[in-house]
Amino acid sequence: LGAASTAKSGGPLPPLEIGEGTRIGAQAVICRGAKIGRNGVVGDGALIRERVTIGDNCVVGAHVVIENNVTIGDRTKIQTKAYITAMTTVESDAFIAPCVITTNDNYMGRTEERFKYKGGAKIMRGARVGAGAVLLPNVTIGREAFVAAGSVVTRDAPEGMLVMGSPAKPVRPVNEKEKLDYK
């Protein structure tokens, strides 16, 4: 970690773990202390930092950046050039479209008070986030919610709702035919 980093080192990191059948693209960088499940794909030029856990059957697209202390559930897809900031949780079966940006610090490093509020987004099971959307710190994208492309999410997105705009607001329920069958 850099001298000015606010991330906690947590001591020595365990070895990198890559599950059986997972394929790693050219020039991807995966740090010690990361754990990637079975049968996944990590695209060309991706960066996966320390203390990241990625489930089975996941796709991490080309040039995706996943910062430290992130958890990603099974069967999740994170598309090209998405930025997943530290302290974010992405549950199983989620979809993160290209160029999505998550954030974790409303104060951008200027006060000590910020540490009380610092935290990444929580993207619940089956949620989808459209291309170029921006998620502000500590928002929750509810189970099966859909964030429209280009939206700026400043508040929680309710379960099963389409949200859109800047700031994103609930528009309508997600079509039942689009929802996953969890049986």
C-alpha atoms as a PDB file:
ATOM      1  CA  LEU A   1       0.000   0.000   0.000  1.00  0.00           C
ATOM      2  CA  GLY A   2       1.116   3.564  -0.616  1.00  0.00           C
ATOM      3  CA  ALA A   3       2.319   5.720   2.266  1.00  0.00           C
ATOM      4  CA  ALA A   4      -0.864   7.845   2.160  1.00  0.00           C
ATOM      5  CA  SER A   5      -3.250   4.907   1.690  1.00  0.00           C
ATOM      6  CA  THR A   6      -6.163   4.701   4.117  1.00  0.00           C
ATOM      7  CA  ALA A   7      -6.589   0.964   3.467  1.00  0.00           C
ATOM      8  CA  LYS A   8      -5.594  -1.230   6.366  1.00  0.00           C
ATOM      9  CA  SER A   9      -2.811  -3.655   5.550  1.00  0.00           C
ATOM     10  CA  GLY A  10      -4.166  -6.396   7.834  1.00  0.00           C
ATOM     11  CA  GLY A  11      -0.750  -8.042   7.962  1.00  0.00           C
ATOM     12  CA  PRO A  12       0.777 -10.517   5.542  1.00  0.00           C
ATOM     13  CA  LEU A  13      -1.456 -11.567   2.680  1.00  0.00           C
ATOM     14  CA  PRO A  14      -2.176 -15.206   1.856  1.00  0.00           C
ATOM     15  CA  PRO A  15      -1.183 -16.538  -1.576  1.00  0.00           C
ATOM     16  CA  LEU A  16      -3.360 -15.792  -4.589  1.00  0.00           C
ATOM     17  CA  GLU A  17      -5.977 -18.513  -5.194  1.00  0.00           C
ATOM     18  CA  ILE A  18      -7.359 -19.194  -8.671  1.00  0.00           C
ATOM     19  CA  GLY A  19     -10.046 -21.854  -8.984  1.00  0.00           C
ATOM     20  CA  GLU A  20      -9.897 -24.753 -11.402  1.00  0.00           C
ATOM     21  CA  GLY A  21     -11.011 -23.895 -14.920  1.00  0.00           C
ATOM     22  CA  THR A  22     -10.670 -20.131 -14.522  1.00  0.00           C
ATOM     23  CA  ARG A  23      -8.963 -18.421 -17.460  1.00  0.00           C
ATOM     24  CA  ILE A  24      -6.823 -15.303 -17.122  1.00  0.00           C
ATOM     25  CA  GLY A  25      -6.374 -12.876 -20.033  1.00  0.00           C
ATOM     26  CA  ALA A  26      -3.160 -11.257 -21.226  1.00  0.00           C
ATOM     27  CA  GLN A  27      -1.640  -8.536 -19.015  1.00  0.00           C
ATOM     28  CA  ALA A  28      -4.168  -9.006 -16.216  1.00  0.00           C
ATOM     29  CA  VAL A  29      -2.757  -8.169 -12.776  1.00  0.00           C
ATOM     30  CA  ILE A  30      -4.106 -10.117  -9.808  1.00  0.00           C
ATOM     31  CA  CYS A  31      -2.652  -9.319  -6.390  1.00  0.00           C
ATOM     32  CA  ARG A  32      -1.640 -11.649  -3.614  1.00  0.00           C
ATOM     33  CA  GLY A  33      -4.492 -12.176  -1.171  1.00  0.00           C
ATOM     34  CA  ALA A  34      -7.173 -12.354  -3.887  1.00  0.00           C
ATOM     35  CA  LYS A  35      -9.324 -15.437  -4.302  1.00  0.00           C
ATOM     36  CA  ILE A  36     -11.062 -16.260  -7.596  1.00  0.00           C
ATOM     37  CA  GLY A  37     -13.526 -19.123  -7.863  1.00  0.00           C
ATOM     38  CA  ARG A  38     -13.868 -21.914 -10.410  1.00  0.00           C
ATOM     39  CA  ASN A  39     -14.715 -21.683 -14.120  1.00  0.00           C
ATOM     40  CA  GLY A  40     -14.464 -17.908 -14.394  1.00  0.00           C
ATOM     41  CA  VAL A  41     -12.853 -15.524 -16.835  1.00  0.00           C
ATOM     42  CA  VAL A  42     -10.622 -12.536 -16.100  1.00  0.00           C
ATOM     43  CA  GLY A  43     -10.255 -10.364 -19.195  1.00  0.00           C
ATOM     44  CA  ASP A  44      -7.173  -8.799 -20.738  1.00  0.00           C
ATOM     45  CA  GLY A  45      -5.671  -5.956 -18.719  1.00  0.00           C
ATOM     46  CA  ALA A  46      -7.950  -6.410 -15.697  1.00  0.00           C
ATOM     47  CA  LEU A  47      -6.660  -5.420 -12.236  1.00  0.00           C
ATOM     48  CA  ILE A  48      -7.823  -7.311  -9.152  1.00  0.00           C
ATOM     49  CA  ARG A  49      -6.433  -6.001  -5.865  1.00  0.00           C
ATOM     50  CA  GLU A  50      -5.676  -7.717  -2.550  1.00  0.00           C
ATOM     51  CA  ARG A  51      -8.449  -9.104  -0.320  1.00  0.00           C
ATOM     52  CA  VAL A  52     -10.887  -9.531  -3.213  1.00  0.00           C
ATOM     53  CA  THR A  53     -13.078 -12.623  -3.281  1.00  0.00           C
ATOM     54  CA  ILE A  54     -14.776 -13.565  -6.546  1.00  0.00           C
ATOM     55  CA  GLY A  55     -17.210 -16.480  -6.701  1.00  0.00           C
ATOM     56  CA  ASP A  56     -17.560 -19.324  -9.204  1.00  0.00           C
ATOM     57  CA  ASN A  57     -18.538 -18.867 -12.867  1.00  0.00           C
ATOM     58  CA  CYS A  58     -17.898 -15.111 -12.907  1.00  0.00           C
ATOM     59  CA  VAL A  59     -16.829 -12.867 -15.758  1.00  0.00           C
ATOM     60  CA  VAL A  60     -14.480  -9.964 -15.095  1.00  0.00           C
ATOM     61  CA  GLY A  61     -14.192  -8.121 -18.400  1.00  0.00           C
ATOM     62  CA  ALA A  62     -11.231  -6.494 -20.100  1.00  0.00           C
ATOM     63  CA  HIS A  63      -9.673  -3.567 -18.236  1.00  0.00           C
ATOM     64  CA  VAL A  64     -11.997  -3.892 -15.232  1.00  0.00           C
ATOM     65  CA  VAL A  65     -10.504  -2.577 -11.982  1.00  0.00           C
ATOM     66  CA  ILE A  66     -11.579  -4.197  -8.711  1.00  0.00           C
ATOM     67  CA  GLU A  67     -10.076  -2.463  -5.660  1.00  0.00           C
ATOM     68  CA  ASN A  68      -9.253  -4.061  -2.289  1.00  0.00           C
ATOM     69  CA  ASN A  69     -11.770  -5.544   0.151  1.00  0.00           C
ATOM     70  CA  VAL A  70     -14.447  -6.401  -2.422  1.00  0.00           C
ATOM     71  CA  THR A  71     -16.694  -9.466  -2.472  1.00  0.00           C
ATOM     72  CA  ILE A  72     -18.353 -10.685  -5.668  1.00  0.00           C
ATOM     73  CA  GLY A  73     -20.878 -13.534  -5.683  1.00  0.00           C
ATOM     74  CA  ASP A  74     -21.262 -16.485  -8.046  1.00  0.00           C
ATOM     75  CA  ARG A  75     -22.315 -16.075 -11.694  1.00  0.00           C
ATOM     76  CA  THR A  76     -21.811 -12.311 -11.685  1.00  0.00           C
ATOM     77  CA  LYS A  77     -20.711 -10.503 -14.838  1.00  0.00           C
ATOM     78  CA  ILE A  78     -18.679  -7.299 -14.702  1.00  0.00           C
ATOM     79  CA  GLN A  79     -18.164  -5.898 -18.176  1.00  0.00           C
ATOM     80  CA  THR A  80     -15.313  -3.966 -19.830  1.00  0.00           C
ATOM     81  CA  LYS A  81     -13.793  -0.941 -18.055  1.00  0.00           C
ATOM     82  CA  ALA A  82     -16.047  -1.062 -14.982  1.00  0.00           C
ATOM     83  CA  TYR A  83     -14.508   0.348 -11.781  1.00  0.00           C
ATOM     84  CA  ILE A  84     -15.432  -1.432  -8.555  1.00  0.00           C
ATOM     85  CA  THR A  85     -14.154   0.624  -5.627  1.00  0.00           C
ATOM     86  CA  ALA A  86     -12.874  -0.714  -2.307  1.00  0.00           C
ATOM     87  CA  MET A  87     -15.433  -2.002   0.202  1.00  0.00           C
ATOM     88  CA  THR A  88     -18.072  -2.871  -2.426  1.00  0.00           C
ATOM     89  CA  THR A  89     -20.226  -5.995  -2.261  1.00  0.00           C
ATOM     90  CA  VAL A  90     -21.748  -7.513  -5.390  1.00  0.00           C
ATOM     91  CA  GLU A  91     -23.991 -10.481  -4.697  1.00  0.00           C
ATOM     92  CA  SER A  92     -24.594 -13.483  -6.961  1.00  0.00           C
ATOM     93  CA  ASP A  93     -26.198 -13.252 -10.406  1.00  0.00           C
ATOM     94  CA  ALA A  94     -25.611  -9.494 -10.761  1.00  0.00           C
ATOM     95  CA  PHE A  95     -24.718  -7.773 -14.021  1.00  0.00           C
ATOM     96  CA  ILE A  96     -22.468  -4.707 -14.180  1.00  0.00           C
ATOM     97  CA  ALA A  97     -22.393  -3.159 -17.663  1.00  0.00           C
ATOM     98  CA  PRO A  98     -19.363  -1.490 -19.305  1.00  0.00           C
ATOM     99  CA  CYS A  99     -17.901   1.662 -17.763  1.00  0.00           C
ATOM    100  CA  VAL A 100     -19.919   1.545 -14.512  1.00  0.00           C
ATOM    101  CA  ILE A 101     -18.235   3.519 -11.716  1.00  0.00           C
ATOM    102  CA  THR A 102     -18.682   2.853  -8.006  1.00  0.00           C
ATOM    103  CA  THR A 103     -17.456   5.282  -5.338  1.00  0.00           C
ATOM    104  CA  ASN A 104     -16.794   5.058  -1.607  1.00  0.00           C
ATOM    105  CA  ASP A 105     -15.878   8.528  -0.276  1.00  0.00           C
ATOM    106  CA  ASN A 106     -18.152  11.590  -0.489  1.00  0.00           C
ATOM    107  CA  TYR A 107     -15.403  13.778   1.003  1.00  0.00           C
ATOM    108  CA  MET A 108     -12.695  12.729  -1.469  1.00  0.00           C
ATOM    109  CA  GLY A 109      -9.975  12.510   1.140  1.00  0.00           C
ATOM    110  CA  ARG A 110     -10.364  15.985   2.694  1.00  0.00           C
ATOM    111  CA  THR A 111     -11.552  15.349   6.258  1.00  0.00           C
ATOM    112  CA  GLU A 112     -11.098  12.855   9.050  1.00  0.00           C
ATOM    113  CA  GLU A 113     -14.880  12.816   9.517  1.00  0.00           C
ATOM    114  CA  ARG A 114     -15.198  11.014   6.182  1.00  0.00           C
ATOM    115  CA  PHE A 115     -14.101   7.715   7.749  1.00  0.00           C
ATOM    116  CA  LYS A 116     -17.486   7.476   9.533  1.00  0.00           C
ATOM    117  CA  TYR A 117     -19.264   7.506   6.174  1.00  0.00           C
ATOM    118  CA  LYS A 118     -16.827   5.755   3.862  1.00  0.00           C
ATOM    119  CA  GLY A 119     -18.142   2.616   2.160  1.00  0.00           C
ATOM    120  CA  GLY A 120     -18.802   1.055  -1.208  1.00  0.00           C
ATOM    121  CA  ALA A 121     -22.088   0.141  -2.837  1.00  0.00           C
ATOM    122  CA  LYS A 122     -23.993  -3.032  -2.089  1.00  0.00           C
ATOM    123  CA  ILE A 123     -25.401  -4.584  -5.255  1.00  0.00           C
ATOM    124  CA  MET A 124     -27.893  -7.262  -4.303  1.00  0.00           C
ATOM    125  CA  ARG A 125     -28.630 -10.596  -5.958  1.00  0.00           C
ATOM    126  CA  GLY A 126     -29.841 -10.392  -9.539  1.00  0.00           C
ATOM    127  CA  ALA A 127     -29.463  -6.601  -9.764  1.00  0.00           C
ATOM    128  CA  ARG A 128     -28.354  -5.007 -13.033  1.00  0.00           C
ATOM    129  CA  VAL A 129     -26.466  -1.759 -13.498  1.00  0.00           C
ATOM    130  CA  GLY A 130     -26.475  -0.175 -16.961  1.00  0.00           C
ATOM    131  CA  ALA A 131     -23.548   1.208 -18.943  1.00  0.00           C
ATOM    132  CA  GLY A 132     -21.891   4.340 -17.617  1.00  0.00           C
ATOM    133  CA  ALA A 133     -23.931   4.489 -14.408  1.00  0.00           C
ATOM    134  CA  VAL A 134     -22.305   6.010 -11.321  1.00  0.00           C
ATOM    135  CA  LEU A 135     -23.063   4.622  -7.851  1.00  0.00           C
ATOM    136  CA  LEU A 136     -22.293   6.955  -4.936  1.00  0.00           C
ATOM    137  CA  PRO A 137     -20.967   5.673  -1.583  1.00  0.00           C
ATOM    138  CA  ASN A 138     -23.044   3.321   0.552  1.00  0.00           C
ATOM    139  CA  VAL A 139     -26.000   2.967  -1.830  1.00  0.00           C
ATOM    140  CA  THR A 140     -27.802  -0.346  -2.046  1.00  0.00           C
ATOM    141  CA  ILE A 141     -29.082  -1.588  -5.377  1.00  0.00           C
ATOM    142  CA  GLY A 142     -31.935  -3.851  -4.316  1.00  0.00           C
ATOM    143  CA  ARG A 143     -32.465  -7.445  -5.361  1.00  0.00           C
ATOM    144  CA  GLU A 144     -33.523  -7.608  -9.041  1.00  0.00           C
ATOM    145  CA  ALA A 145     -33.353  -3.796  -9.357  1.00  0.00           C
ATOM    146  CA  PHE A 146     -32.291  -2.288 -12.683  1.00  0.00           C
ATOM    147  CA  VAL A 147     -30.234   0.914 -12.920  1.00  0.00           C
ATOM    148  CA  ALA A 148     -30.638   2.532 -16.346  1.00  0.00           C
ATOM    149  CA  ALA A 149     -27.566   3.444 -18.383  1.00  0.00           C
ATOM    150  CA  GLY A 150     -26.003   6.788 -17.491  1.00  0.00           C
ATOM    151  CA  SER A 151     -27.856   7.142 -14.194  1.00  0.00           C
ATOM    152  CA  VAL A 152     -26.284   8.671 -11.086  1.00  0.00           C
ATOM    153  CA  VAL A 153     -27.448   6.706  -8.047  1.00  0.00           C
ATOM    154  CA  THR A 154     -27.451   8.903  -4.926  1.00  0.00           C
ATOM    155  CA  ARG A 155     -29.977   6.876  -2.895  1.00  0.00           C
ATOM    156  CA  ASP A 156     -30.886   3.212  -2.549  1.00  0.00           C
ATOM    157  CA  ALA A 157     -32.585   1.599  -5.552  1.00  0.00           C
ATOM    158  CA  PRO A 158     -35.612  -0.364  -4.304  1.00  0.00           C
ATOM    159  CA  GLU A 159     -35.875  -4.097  -4.868  1.00  0.00           C
ATOM    160  CA  GLY A 160     -37.355  -5.001  -8.244  1.00  0.00           C
ATOM    161  CA  MET A 161     -37.540  -1.407  -9.521  1.00  0.00           C
ATOM    162  CA  LEU A 162     -36.122   0.323 -12.587  1.00  0.00           C
ATOM    163  CA  VAL A 163     -34.368   3.531 -11.540  1.00  0.00           C
ATOM    164  CA  MET A 164     -33.085   6.150 -13.941  1.00  0.00           C
ATOM    165  CA  GLY A 165     -31.859   9.706 -14.206  1.00  0.00           C
ATOM    166  CA  SER A 166     -29.512  12.042 -12.396  1.00  0.00           C
ATOM    167  CA  PRO A 167     -30.244  11.629  -9.592  1.00  0.00           C
ATOM    168  CA  ALA A 168     -31.772   8.217 -10.235  1.00  0.00           C
ATOM    169  CA  LYS A 169     -35.404   7.835  -9.248  1.00  0.00           C
ATOM    170  CA  PRO A 170     -37.734   4.814  -9.324  1.00  0.00           C
ATOM    171  CA  VAL A 171     -39.689   4.702 -12.596  1.00  0.00           C
ATOM    172  CA  ARG A 172     -41.522   1.372 -12.680  1.00  0.00           C
ATOM    173  CA  PRO A 173     -41.244  -2.229 -11.535  1.00  0.00           C
ATOM    174  CA  VAL A 174     -38.900  -4.524 -13.466  1.00  0.00           C
ATOM    175  CA  ASN A 175     -40.862  -6.779 -15.829  1.00  0.00           C
ATOM    176  CA  GLU A 176     -41.473 -10.138 -14.147  1.00  0.00           C
ATOM    177  CA  LYS A 177     -40.262 -11.926 -17.318  1.00  0.00           C
ATOM    178  CA  GLU A 178     -36.803 -10.324 -16.822  1.00  0.00           C
ATOM    179  CA  LYS A 179     -36.337 -11.624 -13.285  1.00  0.00           C
ATOM    180  CA  LEU A 180     -34.274 -14.689 -12.452  1.00  0.00           C
ATOM    181  CA  ASP A 181     -35.848 -17.910 -11.226  1.00  0.00           C
ATOM    182  CA  TYR A 182     -34.165 -18.687  -7.885  1.00  0.00           C
ATOM    183  CA  LYS A 183     -35.829 -22.084  -7.346  1.00  0.00           C
END
